[in-house]
Amino acid sequence: MAAQNHVHRVVIPDRKLAASRIALSLAAKTVLANEFRILGISAPEKNVILE
């Protein structure tokens, strides 16, 4: 099964869509941080891409 990566830019000329994507990203960050805290898992401050 091949992995698929979909890229969606957050900052785009459509200001309303860009604001919605930024809000969604911040909400996801908050939810994940809360879940990790509840489970006692530490999370990195930055994403690290290993190649």
C-alpha atoms as a PDB file:
ATOM      1  CA  MET A   1       0.000   0.000   0.000  1.00  0.00           C
ATOM      2  CA  ALA A   2       1.581   3.258  -1.084  1.00  0.00           C
ATOM      3  CA  ALA A   3       1.671   6.193   1.305  1.00  0.00           C
ATOM      4  CA  GLN A   4      -0.011   9.337   0.071  1.00  0.00           C
ATOM      5  CA  ASN A   5       0.927  12.806   1.237  1.00  0.00           C
ATOM      6  CA  HIS A   6      -1.505  15.618   0.635  1.00  0.00           C
ATOM      7  CA  VAL A   7      -0.249  19.162   0.894  1.00  0.00           C
ATOM      8  CA  HIS A   8      -2.638  21.950   1.751  1.00  0.00           C
ATOM      9  CA  ARG A   9      -1.142  25.382   2.123  1.00  0.00           C
ATOM     10  CA  VAL A  10      -2.372  27.288   5.144  1.00  0.00           C
ATOM     11  CA  VAL A  11      -1.462  30.807   4.067  1.00  0.00           C
ATOM     12  CA  ILE A  12      -3.120  31.484   0.727  1.00  0.00           C
ATOM     13  CA  PRO A  13      -4.615  34.523  -1.052  1.00  0.00           C
ATOM     14  CA  ASP A  14      -8.158  33.561   0.038  1.00  0.00           C
ATOM     15  CA  ARG A  15      -8.078  35.233   3.466  1.00  0.00           C
ATOM     16  CA  LYS A  16     -11.264  33.569   4.760  1.00  0.00           C
ATOM     17  CA  LEU A  17     -10.051  30.079   3.861  1.00  0.00           C
ATOM     18  CA  ALA A  18      -6.583  30.854   5.250  1.00  0.00           C
ATOM     19  CA  ALA A  19      -8.095  32.012   8.556  1.00  0.00           C
ATOM     20  CA  SER A  20     -10.195  28.830   8.734  1.00  0.00           C
ATOM     21  CA  ARG A  21      -7.140  26.630   8.140  1.00  0.00           C
ATOM     22  CA  ILE A  22      -5.118  28.472  10.768  1.00  0.00           C
ATOM     23  CA  ALA A  23      -7.969  28.103  13.287  1.00  0.00           C
ATOM     24  CA  LEU A  24      -8.230  24.391  12.493  1.00  0.00           C
ATOM     25  CA  SER A  25      -4.470  23.949  12.950  1.00  0.00           C
ATOM     26  CA  LEU A  26      -4.514  25.713  16.322  1.00  0.00           C
ATOM     27  CA  ALA A  27      -7.518  23.677  17.481  1.00  0.00           C
ATOM     28  CA  ALA A  28      -5.792  20.424  16.497  1.00  0.00           C
ATOM     29  CA  LYS A  29      -2.664  21.520  18.376  1.00  0.00           C
ATOM     30  CA  THR A  30      -4.734  22.196  21.515  1.00  0.00           C
ATOM     31  CA  VAL A  31      -6.576  18.865  21.327  1.00  0.00           C
ATOM     32  CA  LEU A  32      -3.358  16.882  20.822  1.00  0.00           C
ATOM     33  CA  ALA A  33      -1.599  18.719  23.666  1.00  0.00           C
ATOM     34  CA  ASN A  34      -4.497  17.950  26.015  1.00  0.00           C
ATOM     35  CA  GLU A  35      -4.611  14.292  24.983  1.00  0.00           C
ATOM     36  CA  PHE A  36      -0.857  13.902  25.481  1.00  0.00           C
ATOM     37  CA  ARG A  37      -1.094  15.576  28.902  1.00  0.00           C
ATOM     38  CA  ILE A  38      -3.925  13.244  29.971  1.00  0.00           C
ATOM     39  CA  LEU A  39      -2.002  10.182  28.775  1.00  0.00           C
ATOM     40  CA  GLY A  40       1.244  11.377  30.340  1.00  0.00           C
ATOM     41  CA  ILE A  41       3.068  11.542  27.013  1.00  0.00           C
ATOM     42  CA  SER A  42       5.608  14.266  26.315  1.00  0.00           C
ATOM     43  CA  ALA A  43       5.496  15.906  22.912  1.00  0.00           C
ATOM     44  CA  PRO A  44       8.253  17.748  21.075  1.00  0.00           C
ATOM     45  CA  GLU A  45       7.966  21.513  20.679  1.00  0.00           C
ATOM     46  CA  LYS A  46       8.810  21.223  16.967  1.00  0.00           C
ATOM     47  CA  ASN A  47       8.198  18.582  14.339  1.00  0.00           C
ATOM     48  CA  VAL A  48      11.347  16.864  13.181  1.00  0.00           C
ATOM     49  CA  ILE A  49      11.411  15.271   9.750  1.00  0.00           C
ATOM     50  CA  LEU A  50      13.759  12.325   9.497  1.00  0.00           C
ATOM     51  CA  GLU A  51      14.881  11.319   6.043  1.00  0.00           C
END
